[in-house]
């Protein structure tokens, strides 16, 4: 019965570690900004400045 108890405790420990690890370390990448209207506009005309 001892191996079963060790196995069960190990599984629970691994599950808790896996569930807590991502929550404790939030993603450092912020959400992407909304697309600007200029990005959707076609390429600029080839007229000289």
C-alpha atoms as a PDB file:
ATOM      1  CA  UNK A   1       0.000   0.000   0.000  1.00  0.00           C
ATOM      2  CA  UNK A   2       2.991   2.276   0.499  1.00  0.00           C
ATOM      3  CA  UNK A   3       3.895   2.494  -3.241  1.00  0.00           C
ATOM      4  CA  UNK A   4       0.305   3.407  -4.054  1.00  0.00           C
ATOM      5  CA  UNK A   5       0.346   6.171  -1.467  1.00  0.00           C
ATOM      6  CA  UNK A   6       3.643   7.525  -2.803  1.00  0.00           C
ATOM      7  CA  UNK A   7       2.327   7.398  -6.353  1.00  0.00           C
ATOM      8  CA  UNK A   8      -0.882   9.181  -5.429  1.00  0.00           C
ATOM      9  CA  UNK A   9       0.944  11.913  -3.496  1.00  0.00           C
ATOM     10  CA  UNK A  10       3.357  12.366  -6.410  1.00  0.00           C
ATOM     11  CA  UNK A  11       0.521  12.725  -8.911  1.00  0.00           C
ATOM     12  CA  UNK A  12      -1.280  15.243  -6.711  1.00  0.00           C
ATOM     13  CA  UNK A  13       1.942  17.171  -6.158  1.00  0.00           C
ATOM     14  CA  UNK A  14       2.697  17.247  -9.881  1.00  0.00           C
ATOM     15  CA  UNK A  15      -0.863  18.345 -10.658  1.00  0.00           C
ATOM     16  CA  UNK A  16      -0.704  21.163  -8.100  1.00  0.00           C
ATOM     17  CA  UNK A  17       2.710  22.305  -9.329  1.00  0.00           C
ATOM     18  CA  UNK A  18       1.510  22.313 -12.943  1.00  0.00           C
ATOM     19  CA  UNK A  19      -1.684  24.186 -12.067  1.00  0.00           C
ATOM     20  CA  UNK A  20       0.105  26.790  -9.922  1.00  0.00           C
ATOM     21  CA  UNK A  21       3.146  27.389 -12.143  1.00  0.00           C
ATOM     22  CA  UNK A  22       1.310  29.136 -15.048  1.00  0.00           C
ATOM     23  CA  UNK A  23      -0.923  31.116 -12.661  1.00  0.00           C
ATOM     24  CA  UNK A  24       2.036  32.429 -10.645  1.00  0.00           C
ATOM     25  CA  UNK A  25       3.897  33.556 -13.786  1.00  0.00           C
ATOM     26  CA  UNK A  26       1.580  35.654 -15.997  1.00  0.00           C
ATOM     27  CA  UNK A  27       2.478  36.092 -19.654  1.00  0.00           C
ATOM     28  CA  UNK A  28       4.773  39.137 -20.043  1.00  0.00           C
ATOM     29  CA  UNK A  29       3.518  39.796 -23.586  1.00  0.00           C
ATOM     30  CA  UNK A  30       0.746  42.446 -23.540  1.00  0.00           C
ATOM     31  CA  UNK A  31      -2.311  42.103 -25.817  1.00  0.00           C
ATOM     32  CA  UNK A  32      -1.757  43.371 -29.391  1.00  0.00           C
ATOM     33  CA  UNK A  33      -2.996  46.942 -30.023  1.00  0.00           C
ATOM     34  CA  UNK A  34      -6.031  47.494 -32.284  1.00  0.00           C
ATOM     35  CA  UNK A  35      -5.214  47.753 -36.001  1.00  0.00           C
ATOM     36  CA  UNK A  36      -4.732  51.335 -37.183  1.00  0.00           C
ATOM     37  CA  UNK A  37      -6.736  52.577 -40.198  1.00  0.00           C
ATOM     38  CA  UNK A  38      -3.487  53.455 -41.993  1.00  0.00           C
ATOM     39  CA  UNK A  39      -2.377  49.811 -41.860  1.00  0.00           C
ATOM     40  CA  UNK A  40      -5.504  48.764 -43.764  1.00  0.00           C
ATOM     41  CA  UNK A  41      -5.054  51.539 -46.366  1.00  0.00           C
ATOM     42  CA  UNK A  42      -3.456  50.541 -49.710  1.00  0.00           C
ATOM     43  CA  UNK A  43       0.171  51.338 -50.565  1.00  0.00           C
ATOM     44  CA  UNK A  44       0.938  55.086 -50.938  1.00  0.00           C
ATOM     45  CA  UNK A  45       0.839  56.535 -54.437  1.00  0.00           C
ATOM     46  CA  UNK A  46       4.217  56.838 -56.230  1.00  0.00           C
ATOM     47  CA  UNK A  47       3.813  60.633 -56.576  1.00  0.00           C
ATOM     48  CA  UNK A  48       7.032  62.539 -55.747  1.00  0.00           C
ATOM     49  CA  UNK A  49       7.049  64.458 -52.464  1.00  0.00           C
END
